[in-house]
């Protein structure tokens, strides 16, 4: 299927066959369209409160000692930090459901220590299992073989064999098969007794394979080489994945390829809740329509380049339209070495991603916000403390998204649809209807041109009203600042920040009341214990609606 957008406006669909079902969501507003769409595909899940805190990750810590030094310097600078991720280097030779007892000796105890400090742990698991360990030494493969859980070759009997991170050759679990769900559930539950995780990060689940199809290569037939192939890597549907004529429980891989990550997400969500007894955290690289019901997403392996910083705003706006509002990009960039200024500006922008995680690739220089020295750490800390102070507002937006299905983060066009000027703006964005973020997205820049739609706007830092309405203005943005604005007519709940959400949730609340031109404002606060399962469905929560009028002076 090839889809072309032209300015008529028109959409052109070109397909080599199959049945196309069209669903029309009539709005009338963009926000209504997203609400109607998620009513059809499934509402976004309600994330645990701790997952709205800042998160740190790196592929390439290499040892527990290096990780401990990183955590120590984060604590030294008192930088808000809730979640530590563990990428594949924590594993023994990159084998799922293991940990490296040499380089990461003491990891189980370290994870428990982090939890005692109010932090949470997320472990990565990949969707390929080596078949070449010594017999009797690697249970995930042997149990899977016994239960018949793999994606098979075109004969529907022999497992498809490819290559991935683990040593030797790998097989691929077929998550559309109920037996695979049993196998995965059992292993994840057992692994919880080894490493005390709070969430699972599922990566490489396109599925990724380091070959063009599996051994011995893909047969030359119409499924593997259809009459039309879209403009993808090497013009091959099997490039870095499995042959399209491989067999899954639901049919040919040709038809189920895009469902691989989606079919892994729900079982992972369910087992995390079963293992922890708390609300699930699942982060998936591969998503499909409806993935937001059980998981979040990040924008994949980006680069430490200014253009990737800029593009991340577009990606995060898009995934809110897709019904996956728990979305972020790797702060400071994954591939390549970052620079001081790029990383600082990215920390400022990333402090306002719904999913806020600094992540880095193996072989690159360290880029956590504590590694660049005092000035950088101080600015990162100050910006993250703004995020943490506004987490009650962000959490309330996630509640509204979970219940009503709209966006959490949205474009200016979403709120000011009739203003044509907003339609092309993808450099600034809003949290909900009321909080505008206008990041610096270019190198050596100390000001930003911001468009202010027709409303009363207040500078977040000075609390002074801005004179601009339906106009552009160039605003100051020194290295220490990301421009932020509050829209008049809204009440934003806030809470004194701390180094973790475990601590900040105990702090006093406040309200930011920003009046519109009529002297009025309204808002709401959703609150629960932050991590129990189904508090909304069980009605075990507090919901306040606030209104203020200058005339009465009452709230």
Protein backbone atom coordinates (compact mmCIF):
# COMPACT_ATOMS: atom_id res chain seq x y z
CA UNK A 1 0.00 0.00 0.00
CA UNK A 2 1.35 3.41 -0.98
CA UNK A 3 -0.39 6.53 0.36
CA UNK A 4 0.30 9.96 -1.12
CA UNK A 5 -0.88 13.26 0.34
CA UNK A 6 -1.33 16.10 -2.13
CA UNK A 7 -2.32 19.72 -1.50
CA UNK A 8 -5.76 19.57 -3.18
CA UNK A 9 -6.27 18.33 -0.36
CA UNK A 10 -6.35 14.68 -1.44
CA UNK A 11 -5.14 11.26 -0.36
CA UNK A 12 -4.21 8.75 -3.06
CA UNK A 13 -4.10 5.04 -2.12
CA UNK A 14 -2.26 2.62 -4.38
CA UNK A 15 -2.47 -1.06 -3.49
CA UNK A 16 -1.60 -4.40 -5.10
CA UNK A 17 -4.76 -6.00 -3.72
CA UNK A 18 -6.68 -6.71 -0.54
CA UNK A 19 -9.69 -5.04 1.00
CA UNK A 20 -9.52 -1.46 2.26
CA UNK A 21 -11.90 -0.46 5.07
CA UNK A 22 -12.21 3.28 5.61
CA UNK A 23 -13.27 4.77 8.95
CA UNK A 24 -14.22 8.45 8.98
CA UNK A 25 -14.03 10.40 12.25
CA UNK A 26 -15.91 13.63 11.82
CA UNK A 27 -14.66 15.71 14.75
CA UNK A 28 -15.46 18.58 14.32
CA UNK A 29 -12.26 19.56 16.19
CA UNK A 30 -8.89 17.79 15.86
CA UNK A 31 -9.16 16.80 19.53
CA UNK A 32 -12.61 15.28 18.87
CA UNK A 33 -11.14 13.26 15.99
CA UNK A 34 -8.47 11.73 18.26
CA UNK A 35 -11.11 10.99 20.91
CA UNK A 36 -13.31 9.25 18.33
CA UNK A 37 -10.33 7.34 16.90
CA UNK A 38 -9.25 6.00 20.30
CA UNK A 39 -12.85 5.06 21.06
CA UNK A 40 -12.54 2.71 18.09
CA UNK A 41 -8.98 1.38 18.69
CA UNK A 42 -8.72 1.49 22.51
CA UNK A 43 -8.05 4.30 24.95
CA UNK A 44 -4.46 5.01 26.05
CA UNK A 45 -3.40 3.25 29.26
CA UNK A 46 -3.00 5.17 32.52
CA UNK A 47 0.74 5.30 33.29
CA UNK A 48 2.09 4.97 36.83
CA UNK A 49 2.95 8.35 38.34
CA UNK A 50 6.63 7.45 38.74
CA UNK A 51 6.94 6.93 34.98
CA UNK A 52 6.35 10.67 34.52
CA UNK A 53 9.62 11.35 36.33
CA UNK A 54 12.98 11.76 34.58
CA UNK A 55 14.61 8.51 33.40
CA UNK A 56 18.21 7.58 32.71
CA UNK A 57 19.56 4.93 30.37
CA UNK A 58 22.68 3.94 28.50
CA UNK A 59 23.64 1.03 26.30
CA UNK A 60 27.25 0.71 27.31
CA UNK A 61 27.61 1.30 31.02
CA UNK A 62 29.61 -1.92 30.70
CA UNK A 63 29.73 -2.55 34.42
CA UNK A 64 27.83 -1.91 37.62
CA UNK A 65 30.73 0.26 38.85
CA UNK A 66 30.27 2.72 35.97
CA UNK A 67 26.52 2.80 36.60
CA UNK A 68 27.06 3.42 40.32
CA UNK A 69 29.33 6.39 39.53
CA UNK A 70 26.61 7.79 37.24
CA UNK A 71 23.95 7.45 39.95
CA UNK A 72 26.31 9.04 42.51
CA UNK A 73 26.92 12.14 40.41
CA UNK A 74 23.18 12.50 39.69
CA UNK A 75 22.64 12.45 43.46
CA UNK A 76 25.56 14.85 44.03
CA UNK A 77 23.86 17.48 41.87
CA UNK A 78 20.39 16.65 43.26
CA UNK A 79 19.00 16.24 39.73
CA UNK A 80 15.43 14.88 39.70
CA UNK A 81 15.63 11.26 38.57
CA UNK A 82 13.05 8.49 39.07
CA UNK A 83 13.87 5.57 36.81
CA UNK A 84 17.00 3.65 35.84
CA UNK A 85 16.89 1.60 32.63
CA UNK A 86 19.08 -1.46 32.01
CA UNK A 87 20.00 -2.08 28.36
CA UNK A 88 21.39 -5.33 26.94
CA UNK A 89 24.84 -4.93 28.55
CA UNK A 90 23.33 -6.02 31.89
CA UNK A 91 22.74 -9.48 30.37
CA UNK A 92 25.13 -12.38 30.25
CA UNK A 93 26.30 -12.40 26.61
CA UNK A 94 23.08 -10.64 25.57
CA UNK A 95 20.90 -13.59 26.55
CA UNK A 96 17.35 -12.74 27.64
CA UNK A 97 16.43 -13.62 31.24
CA UNK A 98 20.05 -13.56 32.47
CA UNK A 99 22.34 -11.00 34.04
CA UNK A 100 26.13 -10.67 33.83
CA UNK A 101 27.39 -12.02 37.16
CA UNK A 102 30.91 -10.67 36.50
CA UNK A 103 30.55 -7.11 35.19
CA UNK A 104 27.21 -6.62 36.92
CA UNK A 105 27.88 -8.66 40.05
CA UNK A 106 25.56 -7.38 42.78
CA UNK A 107 22.95 -6.09 40.33
CA UNK A 108 19.94 -7.58 42.20
CA UNK A 109 21.03 -5.87 45.43
CA UNK A 110 21.75 -2.59 43.61
CA UNK A 111 18.25 -2.55 42.10
CA UNK A 112 16.76 -3.11 45.56
CA UNK A 113 18.88 -0.21 46.90
CA UNK A 114 17.55 2.08 44.17
CA UNK A 115 14.00 1.10 45.16
CA UNK A 116 14.76 1.94 48.80
CA UNK A 117 15.72 5.42 47.58
CA UNK A 118 12.30 5.78 45.92
CA UNK A 119 13.49 4.98 42.40
CA UNK A 120 12.23 2.38 39.91
CA UNK A 121 13.95 -0.08 37.57
CA UNK A 122 13.17 -0.99 33.95
CA UNK A 123 14.88 -3.95 32.24
CA UNK A 124 15.16 -4.56 28.51
CA UNK A 125 14.14 -7.85 26.88
CA UNK A 126 14.63 -8.72 23.21
CA UNK A 127 12.34 -10.94 21.08
CA UNK A 128 14.91 -13.46 19.90
CA UNK A 129 16.27 -16.45 21.74
CA UNK A 130 19.56 -18.18 20.96
CA UNK A 131 19.26 -21.86 20.02
CA UNK A 132 22.96 -22.65 20.30
CA UNK A 133 23.71 -22.78 24.02
CA UNK A 134 24.86 -26.09 25.52
CA UNK A 135 21.88 -28.44 25.98
CA UNK A 136 20.42 -28.13 29.44
CA UNK A 137 21.94 -24.68 30.12
CA UNK A 138 19.43 -22.18 28.65
CA UNK A 139 15.86 -22.77 29.76
CA UNK A 140 14.13 -20.01 27.70
CA UNK A 141 15.06 -21.84 24.49
CA UNK A 142 14.37 -25.34 25.74
CA UNK A 143 10.99 -24.43 27.25
CA UNK A 144 10.04 -22.58 24.06
CA UNK A 145 11.08 -25.53 21.93
CA UNK A 146 9.02 -27.86 24.08
CA UNK A 147 5.96 -25.57 23.88
CA UNK A 148 6.33 -24.87 20.14
CA UNK A 149 6.32 -21.09 20.40
CA UNK A 150 8.52 -19.98 17.48
CA UNK A 151 7.77 -18.30 14.17
CA UNK A 152 8.17 -21.11 11.59
CA UNK A 153 9.53 -21.33 8.05
CA UNK A 154 7.11 -21.54 5.12
CA UNK A 155 6.60 -25.24 5.84
CA UNK A 156 4.81 -24.24 9.07
CA UNK A 157 6.85 -26.79 11.05
CA UNK A 158 10.55 -25.92 11.32
CA UNK A 159 11.47 -22.79 13.34
CA UNK A 160 12.77 -19.77 11.40
CA UNK A 161 16.45 -19.28 12.32
CA UNK A 162 18.23 -15.94 12.03
CA UNK A 163 20.93 -13.91 13.78
CA UNK A 164 20.62 -11.19 16.40
CA UNK A 165 22.37 -9.97 19.56
CA UNK A 166 22.89 -13.33 21.34
CA UNK A 167 25.79 -15.65 20.38
CA UNK A 168 25.02 -18.30 17.78
CA UNK A 169 21.76 -18.34 15.82
CA UNK A 170 18.38 -17.24 17.13
CA UNK A 171 14.73 -18.21 16.88
CA UNK A 172 11.80 -15.80 17.16
CA UNK A 173 8.79 -16.14 19.51
CA UNK A 174 5.41 -15.84 17.78
CA UNK A 175 3.36 -13.68 20.17
CA UNK A 176 0.18 -14.22 18.16
CA UNK A 177 0.26 -17.80 19.50
CA UNK A 178 -1.47 -18.26 22.92
CA UNK A 179 1.22 -20.83 23.85
CA UNK A 180 3.87 -18.15 23.35
CA UNK A 181 1.99 -15.86 25.73
CA UNK A 182 2.09 -18.65 28.35
CA UNK A 183 5.83 -19.17 27.76
CA UNK A 184 6.62 -15.43 27.95
CA UNK A 185 4.46 -14.96 31.04
CA UNK A 186 6.16 -17.81 32.87
CA UNK A 187 9.68 -16.55 32.09
CA UNK A 188 8.91 -12.92 32.99
CA UNK A 189 7.38 -14.00 36.32
CA UNK A 190 10.42 -16.14 37.12
CA UNK A 191 12.79 -13.31 36.12
CA UNK A 192 11.10 -10.99 38.63
CA UNK A 193 12.57 -13.23 41.36
CA UNK A 194 16.05 -12.65 39.90
CA UNK A 195 15.90 -8.91 39.15
CA UNK A 196 13.27 -6.84 40.97
CA UNK A 197 12.04 -4.87 37.95
CA UNK A 198 9.14 -2.39 37.90
CA UNK A 199 8.74 -2.27 34.14
CA UNK A 200 9.87 -3.98 30.93
CA UNK A 201 11.29 -2.34 27.83
CA UNK A 202 10.68 -4.49 24.71
CA UNK A 203 13.11 -3.64 21.92
CA UNK A 204 13.97 -4.94 18.43
CA UNK A 205 10.41 -6.25 18.01
CA UNK A 206 9.78 -5.52 14.35
CA UNK A 207 11.12 -8.35 14.58
CA UNK A 208 14.74 -7.38 13.95
CA UNK A 209 17.04 -9.97 12.39
CA UNK A 210 20.60 -9.17 11.29
CA UNK A 211 20.11 -10.92 7.93
CA UNK A 212 17.90 -10.58 4.88
CA UNK A 213 15.35 -13.20 5.94
CA UNK A 214 16.26 -16.38 7.80
CA UNK A 215 18.47 -19.27 6.74
CA UNK A 216 18.89 -20.32 3.95
CA UNK A 217 17.34 -17.16 2.43
CA UNK A 218 13.88 -16.37 1.11
CA UNK A 219 12.35 -18.38 -1.74
CA UNK A 220 11.62 -16.48 -4.94
CA UNK A 221 7.83 -16.35 -4.84
CA UNK A 222 5.09 -13.73 -5.00
CA UNK A 223 4.76 -13.37 -1.21
CA UNK A 224 8.47 -12.68 -0.70
CA UNK A 225 8.76 -10.59 -3.87
CA UNK A 226 5.32 -9.07 -4.49
CA UNK A 227 4.50 -7.07 -7.64
CA UNK A 228 4.99 -3.82 -5.69
CA UNK A 229 7.46 -3.12 -2.91
CA UNK A 230 7.44 0.26 -1.14
CA UNK A 231 10.58 2.37 -0.90
CA UNK A 232 12.18 0.50 1.99
CA UNK A 233 15.69 -0.80 2.75
CA UNK A 234 17.10 -2.57 -0.29
CA UNK A 235 13.56 -2.73 -1.70
CA UNK A 236 13.23 -6.01 0.17
CA UNK A 237 10.43 -6.96 2.59
CA UNK A 238 12.86 -9.41 4.26
CA UNK A 239 15.70 -6.94 4.83
CA UNK A 240 16.76 -7.15 8.50
CA UNK A 241 13.69 -9.20 9.37
CA UNK A 242 12.10 -12.57 8.48
CA UNK A 243 10.89 -13.83 5.10
CA UNK A 244 7.28 -12.78 4.39
CA UNK A 245 6.28 -16.41 3.72
CA UNK A 246 7.25 -17.43 7.29
CA UNK A 247 4.31 -18.84 9.22
CA UNK A 248 2.83 -17.38 12.40
CA UNK A 249 -0.17 -18.63 14.36
CA UNK A 250 -2.38 -16.07 12.57
CA UNK A 251 -1.00 -16.69 9.08
CA UNK A 252 1.81 -15.57 6.81
CA UNK A 253 4.41 -13.19 8.27
CA UNK A 254 3.58 -11.07 5.21
CA UNK A 255 0.26 -10.25 6.91
CA UNK A 256 1.38 -10.26 10.56
CA UNK A 257 4.79 -8.52 10.39
CA UNK A 258 3.45 -5.16 11.55
CA UNK A 259 1.62 -6.87 14.42
CA UNK A 260 4.75 -8.39 15.99
CA UNK A 261 5.45 -5.59 18.50
CA UNK A 262 1.74 -5.00 19.06
CA UNK A 263 1.16 -8.70 19.88
CA UNK A 264 4.08 -8.67 22.35
CA UNK A 265 2.94 -5.51 24.16
CA UNK A 266 -0.32 -6.70 25.76
CA UNK A 267 1.12 -9.95 27.23
CA UNK A 268 4.08 -7.94 28.57
CA UNK A 269 1.71 -5.37 30.11
CA UNK A 270 -0.31 -8.15 31.75
CA UNK A 271 2.71 -9.99 33.15
CA UNK A 272 4.27 -6.80 34.55
CA UNK A 273 1.03 -6.16 36.46
CA UNK A 274 0.97 -9.79 37.58
CA UNK A 275 4.64 -9.74 38.66
CA UNK A 276 4.62 -6.38 40.44
CA UNK A 277 1.02 -6.19 41.63
CA UNK A 278 1.15 -2.58 40.42
CA UNK A 279 0.31 -0.58 37.32
CA UNK A 280 2.39 -1.72 34.35
CA UNK A 281 5.18 0.12 32.57
CA UNK A 282 5.86 -1.25 29.08
CA UNK A 283 7.93 0.56 26.47
CA UNK A 284 7.89 -0.87 22.93
CA UNK A 285 9.97 0.03 19.89
CA UNK A 286 7.46 -1.46 17.45
CA UNK A 287 3.85 -0.29 17.64
CA UNK A 288 0.64 -0.61 15.67
CA UNK A 289 -2.89 0.76 15.82
CA UNK A 290 -4.07 0.30 19.42
CA UNK A 291 -0.62 -0.16 21.01
CA UNK A 292 -1.26 2.80 23.33
CA UNK A 293 -3.77 0.74 25.30
CA UNK A 294 -0.96 -1.32 26.81
CA UNK A 295 2.27 0.56 26.30
CA UNK A 296 4.33 3.60 25.49
CA UNK A 297 6.88 4.25 22.78
CA UNK A 298 10.05 6.14 22.04
CA UNK A 299 11.03 7.41 18.63
CA UNK A 300 13.76 4.83 18.07
CA UNK A 301 17.49 5.13 17.42
CA UNK A 302 17.96 8.82 16.72
CA UNK A 303 21.22 10.74 16.30
CA UNK A 304 22.95 13.41 18.36
CA UNK A 305 22.23 16.06 15.74
CA UNK A 306 20.27 19.30 15.82
CA UNK A 307 17.94 18.10 13.07
CA UNK A 308 16.95 15.12 15.23
CA UNK A 309 16.25 17.42 18.17
CA UNK A 310 13.99 19.45 15.86
CA UNK A 311 12.24 16.39 14.36
CA UNK A 312 11.46 14.93 17.76
CA UNK A 313 8.79 17.58 18.31
CA UNK A 314 7.00 16.40 15.15
CA UNK A 315 7.24 12.73 16.18
CA UNK A 316 5.86 13.41 19.64
CA UNK A 317 2.94 15.39 18.25
CA UNK A 318 2.22 12.58 15.76
CA UNK A 319 2.14 9.81 18.35
CA UNK A 320 -0.36 11.79 20.41
CA UNK A 321 -2.58 11.74 17.30
CA UNK A 322 -2.02 7.97 17.05
CA UNK A 323 -3.42 7.32 20.54
CA UNK A 324 0.04 6.71 22.05
CA UNK A 325 0.52 9.81 24.23
CA UNK A 326 3.20 8.21 26.43
CA UNK A 327 5.95 9.10 23.97
CA UNK A 328 9.47 10.53 23.99
CA UNK A 329 12.74 10.65 22.08
CA UNK A 330 16.21 9.71 23.33
CA UNK A 331 17.34 12.95 25.00
CA UNK A 332 20.75 14.16 23.75
CA UNK A 333 20.60 11.59 20.93
CA UNK A 334 21.33 7.83 20.80
CA UNK A 335 23.90 7.50 17.99
CA UNK A 336 27.07 9.66 17.76
CA UNK A 337 28.65 11.76 20.49
CA UNK A 338 26.57 14.68 21.66
CA UNK A 339 27.87 18.19 22.35
CA UNK A 340 27.49 20.37 25.43
CA UNK A 341 25.06 22.82 23.86
CA UNK A 342 23.01 20.25 21.93
CA UNK A 343 22.63 18.08 25.03
CA UNK A 344 21.70 21.06 27.20
CA UNK A 345 19.00 22.24 24.78
CA UNK A 346 17.80 18.65 24.47
CA UNK A 347 17.60 18.28 28.25
CA UNK A 348 15.45 21.43 28.28
CA UNK A 349 13.12 20.17 25.55
CA UNK A 350 13.13 16.60 26.88
CA UNK A 351 12.05 17.84 30.29
CA UNK A 352 8.67 18.36 28.61
CA UNK A 353 8.37 15.12 26.64
CA UNK A 354 5.61 12.96 28.17
CA UNK A 355 8.24 10.17 28.40
CA UNK A 356 11.45 11.91 29.49
CA UNK A 357 14.53 9.68 29.12
CA UNK A 358 18.18 10.40 28.35
CA UNK A 359 19.55 7.39 26.42
CA UNK A 360 22.84 6.72 24.69
CA UNK A 361 24.51 4.10 22.46
CA UNK A 362 27.49 1.86 23.12
CA UNK A 363 30.87 3.45 22.40
CA UNK A 364 29.67 7.04 22.79
CA UNK A 365 30.83 9.49 25.43
CA UNK A 366 28.70 9.77 28.56
CA UNK A 367 25.81 12.25 28.34
CA UNK A 368 23.83 12.07 31.57
CA UNK A 369 22.98 15.56 32.85
CA UNK A 370 25.51 15.27 35.71
CA UNK A 371 28.56 14.53 33.55
CA UNK A 372 29.08 17.98 32.02
CA UNK A 373 29.86 19.87 35.23
CA UNK A 374 28.23 22.38 37.57
CA UNK A 375 26.62 24.83 35.13
CA UNK A 376 25.00 22.14 32.97
CA UNK A 377 23.77 20.21 36.01
CA UNK A 378 22.29 23.34 37.57
CA UNK A 379 20.31 24.23 34.41
CA UNK A 380 19.11 20.62 33.94
CA UNK A 381 18.07 20.46 37.58
CA UNK A 382 16.15 23.74 37.37
CA UNK A 383 14.29 22.70 34.20
CA UNK A 384 13.42 19.25 35.52
CA UNK A 385 12.16 20.84 38.75
CA UNK A 386 9.68 22.82 36.63
CA UNK A 387 8.52 19.52 35.10
CA UNK A 388 8.20 17.90 38.51
CA UNK A 389 6.27 20.84 39.91
CA UNK A 390 3.74 20.50 37.08
CA UNK A 391 3.41 16.69 37.23
CA UNK A 392 -0.05 16.90 38.88
CA UNK A 393 -1.20 18.78 35.75
CA UNK A 394 0.50 16.26 33.41
CA UNK A 395 -0.95 13.33 35.37
CA UNK A 396 -4.42 14.89 35.13
CA UNK A 397 -3.96 15.15 31.34
CA UNK A 398 -3.13 11.43 31.21
CA UNK A 399 -6.27 10.71 33.23
CA UNK A 400 -8.34 12.70 30.71
CA UNK A 401 -6.64 10.88 27.82
CA UNK A 402 -7.30 7.49 29.43
CA UNK A 403 -10.98 8.27 30.06
CA UNK A 404 -11.87 10.46 27.07
CA UNK A 405 -9.15 9.45 24.62
CA UNK A 406 -7.65 12.78 23.58
CA UNK A 407 -4.07 14.02 23.37
CA UNK A 408 -1.78 14.87 26.28
CA UNK A 409 0.65 16.94 24.26
CA UNK A 410 -0.79 18.78 21.28
CA UNK A 411 -0.05 21.30 18.57
CA UNK A 412 -1.24 24.91 18.67
CA UNK A 413 -3.58 24.00 15.80
CA UNK A 414 -5.46 21.62 18.09
CA UNK A 415 -6.52 24.49 20.33
CA UNK A 416 -6.68 27.29 17.76
CA UNK A 417 -7.97 25.45 14.69
CA UNK A 418 -9.56 28.47 13.01
CA UNK A 419 -6.26 30.39 13.14
CA UNK A 420 -4.54 29.45 9.86
CA UNK A 421 -1.19 30.60 11.23
CA UNK A 422 -1.13 27.72 13.73
CA UNK A 423 -1.50 25.04 11.04
CA UNK A 424 2.17 25.03 10.07
CA UNK A 425 3.70 25.38 13.53
CA UNK A 426 5.63 22.31 14.67
CA UNK A 427 8.36 23.99 16.69
CA UNK A 428 6.26 24.83 19.76
CA UNK A 429 3.64 22.67 21.46
CA UNK A 430 1.20 22.54 24.34
CA UNK A 431 0.69 20.36 27.39
CA UNK A 432 -3.09 20.04 27.27
CA UNK A 433 -4.82 23.30 26.44
CA UNK A 434 -2.90 25.56 28.77
CA UNK A 435 0.91 25.25 28.91
CA UNK A 436 3.07 26.21 25.91
CA UNK A 437 6.66 25.06 25.45
CA UNK A 438 8.76 26.96 22.87
CA UNK A 439 12.16 25.21 22.80
CA UNK A 440 15.41 26.36 21.22
CA UNK A 441 15.98 23.99 18.29
CA UNK A 442 19.01 25.53 16.57
CA UNK A 443 22.67 25.77 17.49
CA UNK A 444 24.18 29.00 18.89
CA UNK A 445 20.72 30.54 19.25
CA UNK A 446 19.78 32.74 22.21
CA UNK A 447 16.24 33.72 21.20
CA UNK A 448 13.13 32.05 19.81
CA UNK A 449 10.41 33.37 17.53
CA UNK A 450 7.13 32.33 19.13
CA UNK A 451 3.63 32.61 17.71
CA UNK A 452 1.01 33.60 20.29
CA UNK A 453 -2.53 32.68 19.17
CA UNK A 454 -5.50 34.80 20.25
CA UNK A 455 -5.56 34.35 24.04
CA UNK A 456 -4.08 35.91 27.14
CA UNK A 457 -0.58 34.47 27.66
CA UNK A 458 1.58 34.70 30.78
CA UNK A 459 5.34 34.21 30.94
CA UNK A 460 5.90 31.19 33.23
CA UNK A 461 9.00 32.70 34.83
CA UNK A 462 7.86 36.28 35.46
CA UNK A 463 4.10 35.56 35.70
CA UNK A 464 3.66 38.80 33.74
CA UNK A 465 1.06 38.92 30.96
CA UNK A 466 2.45 39.15 27.44
CA UNK A 467 1.17 41.84 25.13
CA UNK A 468 1.27 39.61 22.03
CA UNK A 469 -1.94 38.25 20.59
CA UNK A 470 -2.29 36.60 17.20
CA UNK A 471 1.25 37.66 16.52
CA UNK A 472 4.86 36.54 16.40
CA UNK A 473 7.38 37.75 18.95
CA UNK A 474 11.09 37.12 19.40
CA UNK A 475 11.70 36.12 23.00
CA UNK A 476 14.96 35.79 24.90
CA UNK A 477 16.28 32.25 25.41
CA UNK A 478 19.73 32.27 27.04
CA UNK A 479 21.42 28.90 27.54
CA UNK A 480 19.86 28.66 30.99
CA UNK A 481 16.24 28.97 29.81
CA UNK A 482 13.54 27.32 27.73
CA UNK A 483 10.64 29.73 27.03
CA UNK A 484 7.39 28.63 28.72
CA UNK A 485 3.93 30.24 28.74
CA UNK A 486 0.62 29.73 30.53
CA UNK A 487 -2.66 30.43 28.77
CA UNK A 488 -5.16 32.65 30.47
CA UNK A 489 -8.45 31.08 31.49
CA UNK A 490 -6.85 28.00 33.05
CA UNK A 491 -5.94 26.69 36.50
CA UNK A 492 -2.94 24.37 36.68
CA UNK A 493 -2.39 22.18 39.76
CA UNK A 494 1.20 21.99 40.96
CA UNK A 495 3.24 20.45 43.75
CA UNK A 496 6.60 21.32 45.28
CA UNK A 497 9.25 19.30 43.37
CA UNK A 498 11.76 16.82 44.78
CA UNK A 499 14.43 14.44 43.50
CA UNK A 500 11.94 11.60 42.99
CA UNK A 501 8.17 11.45 42.59
CA UNK A 502 8.14 9.20 45.67
CA UNK A 503 9.19 12.31 47.64
CA UNK A 504 7.41 14.98 45.59
CA UNK A 505 4.03 13.27 46.01
CA UNK A 506 4.28 14.02 49.75
CA UNK A 507 4.84 17.75 49.19
CA UNK A 508 2.33 20.64 49.44
CA UNK A 509 0.09 21.39 46.46
CA UNK A 510 -0.59 24.74 44.85
CA UNK A 511 -2.63 26.21 42.02
CA UNK A 512 -1.47 28.47 39.21
CA UNK A 513 -4.49 30.62 38.34
CA UNK A 514 -4.09 32.38 34.99
CA UNK A 515 -7.06 34.62 34.23
CA UNK A 516 -8.53 35.25 30.81
CA UNK A 517 -9.65 38.72 29.70
CA UNK A 518 -12.95 38.24 31.51
CA UNK A 519 -11.11 37.57 34.76
CA UNK A 520 -12.05 33.88 34.85
CA UNK A 521 -10.22 30.55 34.95
CA UNK A 522 -10.94 26.85 35.39
CA UNK A 523 -9.05 23.58 35.69
CA UNK A 524 -8.98 20.19 37.37
CA UNK A 525 -6.83 17.80 39.38
CA UNK A 526 -6.90 14.01 39.23
CA UNK A 527 -5.16 12.22 42.11
CA UNK A 528 -4.82 8.63 43.27
CA UNK A 529 -2.05 6.56 44.88
CA UNK A 530 -0.10 6.68 41.62
CA UNK A 531 0.50 3.02 40.91
CA UNK A 532 -2.44 0.80 41.88
CA UNK A 533 -4.16 -1.10 39.08
CA UNK A 534 -7.49 0.21 37.73
CA UNK A 535 -8.05 2.98 40.30
CA UNK A 536 -10.27 4.82 37.80
CA UNK A 537 -12.37 1.78 36.97
CA UNK A 538 -12.69 1.01 40.72
CA UNK A 539 -13.45 4.71 41.45
CA UNK A 540 -10.62 4.86 43.98
CA UNK A 541 -9.43 8.38 43.24
CA UNK A 542 -9.93 12.09 43.93
CA UNK A 543 -11.07 14.46 41.19
CA UNK A 544 -11.39 18.19 41.78
CA UNK A 545 -12.72 20.78 39.34
CA UNK A 546 -11.70 24.37 39.98
CA UNK A 547 -13.23 27.62 38.79
CA UNK A 548 -12.21 31.17 39.64
CA UNK A 549 -13.93 34.45 38.92
CA UNK A 550 -12.38 37.84 39.59
CA UNK A 551 -15.86 39.18 40.23
CA UNK A 552 -16.52 36.91 43.21
CA UNK A 553 -12.88 36.35 44.13
CA UNK A 554 -13.78 32.78 45.11
CA UNK A 555 -12.27 29.49 43.93
